């Protein structure tokens, strides 16, 4: 299993203002579902930050998203470790398969793969 990207998720009630501010630093909107917006560097697209007030389909908003090449393998490894699964593995309507796990620091991590 390999990591494709790591994205901090900033809780925000001000997505427009966030896009304007981070636009000053060269980031551009690459995704906006209304409840989550992601900005990325045009020259380094894996350099991203997301803003959300809440997660539309999960009980909590994650602190961090990690995209992996095999989310099923990641899920099995995390489950076998005994870590707390916060949100079960599932397919989302916007094309990702994901689960949430709590890390040793209490942070909620969204682990995902894009479905093909």
N, C-alpha and C. Protein backbone atom coordinates (compact mmCIF):
# COMPACT_ATOMS: atom_id res chain seq x y z
N UNK A 1 0.86 -1.17 0.00
CA UNK A 1 0.00 0.00 0.00
C UNK A 1 0.90 1.23 0.00
N UNK A 2 0.50 2.25 -0.80
CA UNK A 2 1.27 3.48 -0.81
C UNK A 2 0.34 4.69 -0.63
N UNK A 3 0.92 5.76 -0.10
CA UNK A 3 0.18 7.00 0.12
C UNK A 3 0.29 7.85 -1.14
N UNK A 4 -0.83 8.39 -1.59
CA UNK A 4 -0.85 9.26 -2.76
C UNK A 4 -0.81 10.73 -2.39
N UNK A 5 -1.47 11.11 -1.29
CA UNK A 5 -1.45 12.50 -0.83
C UNK A 5 -1.98 12.57 0.60
N UNK A 6 -1.60 13.64 1.28
CA UNK A 6 -2.09 13.91 2.64
C UNK A 6 -2.64 15.33 2.61
N UNK A 7 -3.88 15.49 3.08
CA UNK A 7 -4.56 16.79 3.01
C UNK A 7 -5.09 17.18 4.39
N UNK A 8 -4.65 18.31 4.93
CA UNK A 8 -5.26 18.79 6.17
C UNK A 8 -6.68 19.27 5.89
N UNK A 9 -7.59 18.98 6.82
CA UNK A 9 -8.98 19.43 6.73
C UNK A 9 -9.19 20.49 7.81
N UNK A 10 -9.43 21.71 7.38
CA UNK A 10 -9.62 22.83 8.30
C UNK A 10 -11.11 23.04 8.49
N UNK A 11 -11.55 23.02 9.74
CA UNK A 11 -12.96 23.31 10.01
C UNK A 11 -13.17 24.80 9.80
N UNK A 12 -14.18 25.14 8.99
CA UNK A 12 -14.37 26.54 8.62
C UNK A 12 -15.83 26.82 8.32
N UNK A 13 -16.29 27.96 8.78
CA UNK A 13 -17.61 28.48 8.43
C UNK A 13 -17.47 29.59 7.39
N UNK A 14 -16.24 29.77 6.87
CA UNK A 14 -15.96 30.87 5.94
C UNK A 14 -15.23 30.36 4.70
N UNK A 15 -15.85 29.50 3.89
CA UNK A 15 -15.14 28.94 2.74
C UNK A 15 -14.76 29.99 1.69
N UNK A 16 -15.64 30.93 1.41
CA UNK A 16 -15.33 31.95 0.40
C UNK A 16 -14.13 32.78 0.83
N UNK A 17 -14.14 33.20 2.09
CA UNK A 17 -13.04 34.00 2.61
C UNK A 17 -11.74 33.19 2.65
N UNK A 18 -11.86 31.90 2.95
CA UNK A 18 -10.68 31.03 2.96
C UNK A 18 -10.11 30.90 1.56
N UNK A 19 -10.97 30.71 0.56
CA UNK A 19 -10.50 30.60 -0.82
C UNK A 19 -9.80 31.88 -1.26
N UNK A 20 -10.36 33.01 -0.88
CA UNK A 20 -9.73 34.29 -1.23
C UNK A 20 -8.37 34.44 -0.56
N UNK A 21 -8.31 34.13 0.74
CA UNK A 21 -7.05 34.28 1.47
C UNK A 21 -5.98 33.34 0.92
N UNK A 22 -6.28 32.05 0.80
CA UNK A 22 -5.28 31.10 0.33
C UNK A 22 -4.98 31.27 -1.15
N UNK A 23 -5.90 31.93 -1.88
CA UNK A 23 -5.62 32.30 -3.27
C UNK A 23 -4.47 33.28 -3.35
N UNK A 24 -4.34 34.11 -2.33
CA UNK A 24 -3.21 35.05 -2.28
C UNK A 24 -1.88 34.31 -2.23
N UNK A 25 -1.90 33.08 -1.74
CA UNK A 25 -0.68 32.26 -1.64
C UNK A 25 -0.53 31.32 -2.83
N UNK A 26 -1.43 31.43 -3.81
CA UNK A 26 -1.30 30.66 -5.04
C UNK A 26 -2.14 29.41 -5.13
N UNK A 27 -3.01 29.16 -4.14
CA UNK A 27 -3.86 27.97 -4.21
C UNK A 27 -5.15 28.29 -4.96
N UNK A 28 -5.65 27.30 -5.70
CA UNK A 28 -6.86 27.45 -6.48
C UNK A 28 -7.86 26.36 -6.13
N UNK A 29 -9.15 26.69 -6.24
CA UNK A 29 -10.19 25.70 -5.95
C UNK A 29 -10.15 24.58 -6.98
N UNK A 30 -10.10 23.33 -6.50
CA UNK A 30 -10.11 22.17 -7.38
C UNK A 30 -11.31 21.27 -7.13
N UNK A 31 -12.01 21.47 -6.01
CA UNK A 31 -13.20 20.69 -5.70
C UNK A 31 -14.07 21.51 -4.76
N UNK A 32 -15.39 21.45 -5.00
CA UNK A 32 -16.32 22.11 -4.09
C UNK A 32 -17.65 21.37 -4.14
N UNK A 33 -17.97 20.66 -3.05
CA UNK A 33 -19.24 19.94 -2.95
C UNK A 33 -20.26 20.72 -2.13
N UNK A 34 -19.95 21.96 -1.82
CA UNK A 34 -20.84 22.77 -1.00
C UNK A 34 -20.52 22.64 0.49
N UNK A 35 -20.24 21.45 0.95
CA UNK A 35 -19.92 21.23 2.37
C UNK A 35 -18.43 21.01 2.58
N UNK A 36 -17.69 20.74 1.50
CA UNK A 36 -16.23 20.63 1.55
C UNK A 36 -15.67 21.28 0.29
N UNK A 37 -14.61 22.06 0.47
CA UNK A 37 -13.94 22.72 -0.64
C UNK A 37 -12.46 22.42 -0.51
N UNK A 38 -11.83 22.06 -1.63
CA UNK A 38 -10.40 21.78 -1.63
C UNK A 38 -9.69 22.77 -2.55
N UNK A 39 -8.59 23.31 -2.04
CA UNK A 39 -7.72 24.19 -2.81
C UNK A 39 -6.41 23.46 -3.05
N UNK A 40 -5.78 23.72 -4.20
CA UNK A 40 -4.53 23.04 -4.54
C UNK A 40 -3.60 24.00 -5.27
N UNK A 41 -2.34 23.65 -5.27
CA UNK A 41 -1.34 24.38 -6.03
C UNK A 41 -1.42 23.96 -7.49
N UNK A 42 -1.54 24.89 -8.43
CA UNK A 42 -1.57 24.52 -9.84
C UNK A 42 -0.29 23.83 -10.30
N UNK A 43 0.85 24.20 -9.73
CA UNK A 43 2.12 23.61 -10.15
C UNK A 43 2.45 22.31 -9.42
N UNK A 44 1.84 22.08 -8.26
CA UNK A 44 2.05 20.86 -7.48
C UNK A 44 0.69 20.39 -6.96
N UNK A 45 -0.14 19.74 -7.82
CA UNK A 45 -1.53 19.45 -7.48
C UNK A 45 -1.75 18.62 -6.22
N UNK A 46 -0.75 17.88 -5.76
CA UNK A 46 -0.92 17.10 -4.53
C UNK A 46 -0.78 17.97 -3.28
N UNK A 47 -0.33 19.21 -3.43
CA UNK A 47 -0.26 20.15 -2.31
C UNK A 47 -1.63 20.78 -2.15
N UNK A 48 -2.38 20.30 -1.14
CA UNK A 48 -3.78 20.68 -1.01
C UNK A 48 -4.14 20.98 0.44
N UNK A 49 -5.26 21.72 0.59
CA UNK A 49 -5.88 21.94 1.89
C UNK A 49 -7.38 21.98 1.65
N UNK A 50 -8.15 21.36 2.55
CA UNK A 50 -9.61 21.36 2.43
C UNK A 50 -10.23 22.13 3.58
N UNK A 51 -11.41 22.69 3.32
CA UNK A 51 -12.16 23.45 4.33
C UNK A 51 -13.56 22.87 4.40
N UNK A 52 -14.05 22.62 5.63
CA UNK A 52 -15.40 22.10 5.80
C UNK A 52 -15.95 22.51 7.16
N UNK A 53 -17.26 22.70 7.19
CA UNK A 53 -17.93 22.96 8.46
C UNK A 53 -18.30 21.65 9.14
N UNK A 54 -18.71 20.68 8.33
CA UNK A 54 -19.07 19.35 8.81
C UNK A 54 -18.92 18.38 7.66
N UNK A 55 -18.91 17.08 7.97
CA UNK A 55 -18.87 16.07 6.93
C UNK A 55 -20.30 15.65 6.64
N UNK A 56 -20.67 15.65 5.39
CA UNK A 56 -22.05 15.39 5.00
C UNK A 56 -22.53 13.99 5.36
N UNK A 57 -21.67 12.98 5.28
CA UNK A 57 -22.12 11.60 5.47
C UNK A 57 -21.48 10.88 6.64
N UNK A 58 -20.76 11.59 7.49
CA UNK A 58 -20.09 10.95 8.61
C UNK A 58 -20.45 11.67 9.91
N UNK A 59 -20.25 11.00 11.04
CA UNK A 59 -20.66 11.59 12.32
C UNK A 59 -19.77 12.72 12.81
N UNK A 60 -18.56 12.83 12.28
CA UNK A 60 -17.62 13.89 12.68
C UNK A 60 -16.89 14.39 11.45
N UNK A 61 -16.33 15.58 11.54
CA UNK A 61 -15.47 16.11 10.48
C UNK A 61 -14.04 15.64 10.76
N UNK A 62 -13.38 15.04 9.79
CA UNK A 62 -12.02 14.57 10.01
C UNK A 62 -11.02 15.72 10.07
N UNK A 63 -9.92 15.47 10.77
CA UNK A 63 -8.85 16.46 10.89
C UNK A 63 -7.87 16.38 9.72
N UNK A 64 -7.81 15.22 9.09
CA UNK A 64 -6.79 14.94 8.08
C UNK A 64 -7.34 13.91 7.12
N UNK A 65 -7.00 14.02 5.85
CA UNK A 65 -7.35 13.00 4.86
C UNK A 65 -6.07 12.42 4.29
N UNK A 66 -6.03 11.10 4.18
CA UNK A 66 -4.89 10.43 3.57
C UNK A 66 -5.42 9.54 2.46
N UNK A 67 -5.01 9.84 1.23
CA UNK A 67 -5.40 9.02 0.09
C UNK A 67 -4.36 7.92 -0.09
N UNK A 68 -4.83 6.69 -0.16
CA UNK A 68 -3.97 5.53 -0.35
C UNK A 68 -4.38 4.82 -1.64
N UNK A 69 -3.50 3.95 -2.13
CA UNK A 69 -3.83 3.23 -3.36
C UNK A 69 -4.75 2.04 -3.11
N UNK A 70 -4.85 1.55 -1.85
CA UNK A 70 -5.69 0.39 -1.54
C UNK A 70 -6.36 0.60 -0.18
N UNK A 71 -7.53 1.23 -0.18
CA UNK A 71 -8.21 1.55 1.07
C UNK A 71 -8.67 0.29 1.80
N UNK A 72 -8.98 -0.77 1.08
CA UNK A 72 -9.40 -2.01 1.73
C UNK A 72 -8.26 -2.62 2.54
N UNK A 73 -7.05 -2.61 1.98
CA UNK A 73 -5.88 -3.11 2.71
C UNK A 73 -5.60 -2.24 3.93
N UNK A 74 -5.73 -0.92 3.77
CA UNK A 74 -5.52 0.00 4.90
C UNK A 74 -6.54 -0.27 6.00
N UNK A 75 -7.79 -0.47 5.62
CA UNK A 75 -8.86 -0.75 6.59
C UNK A 75 -8.55 -2.02 7.39
N UNK A 76 -8.15 -3.05 6.69
CA UNK A 76 -7.83 -4.32 7.38
C UNK A 76 -6.65 -4.15 8.32
N UNK A 77 -5.63 -3.43 7.90
CA UNK A 77 -4.45 -3.21 8.76
C UNK A 77 -4.83 -2.42 10.00
N UNK A 78 -5.64 -1.39 9.84
CA UNK A 78 -6.06 -0.56 10.97
C UNK A 78 -6.95 -1.35 11.92
N UNK A 79 -7.90 -2.09 11.36
CA UNK A 79 -8.79 -2.92 12.20
C UNK A 79 -7.98 -3.94 13.00
N UNK A 80 -7.03 -4.60 12.34
CA UNK A 80 -6.20 -5.61 13.01
C UNK A 80 -5.36 -5.01 14.13
N UNK A 81 -5.04 -3.72 14.02
CA UNK A 81 -4.23 -3.06 15.04
C UNK A 81 -5.03 -2.76 16.30
N UNK A 82 -6.36 -2.77 16.18
CA UNK A 82 -7.21 -2.44 17.32
C UNK A 82 -7.53 -0.96 17.44
N UNK A 83 -7.10 -0.15 16.46
CA UNK A 83 -7.40 1.28 16.50
C UNK A 83 -8.91 1.50 16.38
N UNK A 84 -9.38 2.62 16.91
CA UNK A 84 -10.82 2.92 16.90
C UNK A 84 -11.29 3.34 15.51
N UNK A 85 -12.19 2.58 14.94
CA UNK A 85 -12.83 2.96 13.69
C UNK A 85 -13.97 3.91 14.05
N UNK A 86 -13.89 5.14 13.56
CA UNK A 86 -14.87 6.18 13.88
C UNK A 86 -16.03 6.16 12.89
N UNK A 87 -15.74 5.80 11.64
CA UNK A 87 -16.74 5.74 10.57
C UNK A 87 -16.37 4.55 9.70
N UNK A 88 -17.29 3.61 9.48
CA UNK A 88 -16.95 2.36 8.78
C UNK A 88 -16.61 2.57 7.30
N UNK A 89 -15.92 1.60 6.75
CA UNK A 89 -15.57 1.60 5.33
C UNK A 89 -16.84 1.60 4.49
N UNK A 90 -16.89 2.56 3.56
CA UNK A 90 -18.07 2.63 2.69
C UNK A 90 -17.74 3.39 1.41
N UNK A 91 -18.57 3.13 0.39
CA UNK A 91 -18.47 3.85 -0.87
C UNK A 91 -19.33 5.10 -0.78
N UNK A 92 -18.77 6.24 -1.18
CA UNK A 92 -19.50 7.50 -1.17
C UNK A 92 -19.94 7.84 -2.59
N UNK A 93 -21.04 8.56 -2.70
CA UNK A 93 -21.63 8.87 -4.00
C UNK A 93 -20.75 9.75 -4.87
N UNK A 94 -19.77 10.44 -4.29
CA UNK A 94 -18.90 11.32 -5.08
C UNK A 94 -17.64 10.61 -5.57
N UNK A 95 -17.60 9.28 -5.47
CA UNK A 95 -16.55 8.52 -6.12
C UNK A 95 -15.38 8.09 -5.27
N UNK A 96 -15.51 8.15 -3.94
CA UNK A 96 -14.44 7.65 -3.09
C UNK A 96 -14.95 6.51 -2.22
N UNK A 97 -14.04 5.68 -1.79
CA UNK A 97 -14.28 4.64 -0.80
C UNK A 97 -13.44 5.05 0.40
N UNK A 98 -14.04 5.11 1.61
CA UNK A 98 -13.31 5.67 2.74
C UNK A 98 -13.78 5.12 4.07
N UNK A 99 -12.95 5.37 5.08
CA UNK A 99 -13.29 5.12 6.48
C UNK A 99 -12.56 6.15 7.32
N UNK A 100 -13.02 6.33 8.57
CA UNK A 100 -12.35 7.23 9.51
C UNK A 100 -11.80 6.39 10.65
N UNK A 101 -10.61 6.77 11.12
CA UNK A 101 -9.97 6.11 12.26
C UNK A 101 -9.41 7.20 13.18
N UNK A 102 -9.39 6.91 14.48
CA UNK A 102 -8.81 7.86 15.45
C UNK A 102 -7.34 7.50 15.64
N UNK A 103 -6.46 8.49 15.50
CA UNK A 103 -5.03 8.25 15.69
C UNK A 103 -4.67 8.31 17.18
N UNK A 104 -3.45 7.99 17.57
CA UNK A 104 -3.07 8.00 18.99
C UNK A 104 -3.18 9.36 19.66
N UNK A 105 -3.26 10.43 18.87
CA UNK A 105 -3.38 11.79 19.42
C UNK A 105 -4.84 12.24 19.55
N UNK A 106 -5.75 11.37 19.18
CA UNK A 106 -7.17 11.70 19.24
C UNK A 106 -7.70 12.34 17.97
N UNK A 107 -6.86 12.52 16.97
CA UNK A 107 -7.28 13.13 15.71
C UNK A 107 -8.01 12.10 14.85
N UNK A 108 -9.02 12.57 14.12
CA UNK A 108 -9.78 11.69 13.23
C UNK A 108 -9.18 11.79 11.83
N UNK A 109 -8.82 10.65 11.28
CA UNK A 109 -8.18 10.56 9.96
C UNK A 109 -9.14 9.90 8.98
N UNK A 110 -9.40 10.58 7.88
CA UNK A 110 -10.21 10.06 6.77
C UNK A 110 -9.25 9.35 5.83
N UNK A 111 -9.37 8.03 5.70
CA UNK A 111 -8.51 7.25 4.82
C UNK A 111 -9.35 6.87 3.60
N UNK A 112 -8.85 7.19 2.40
CA UNK A 112 -9.67 7.02 1.21
C UNK A 112 -8.89 6.58 0.00
N UNK A 113 -9.63 6.04 -0.96
CA UNK A 113 -9.16 5.79 -2.31
C UNK A 113 -10.25 6.24 -3.26
N UNK A 114 -9.85 6.72 -4.41
CA UNK A 114 -10.83 7.05 -5.44
C UNK A 114 -11.22 5.76 -6.15
N UNK A 115 -12.52 5.56 -6.33
CA UNK A 115 -12.99 4.37 -7.05
C UNK A 115 -12.74 4.57 -8.53
N UNK A 116 -12.44 3.51 -9.19
CA UNK A 116 -12.17 3.58 -10.63
C UNK A 116 -13.33 3.07 -11.40
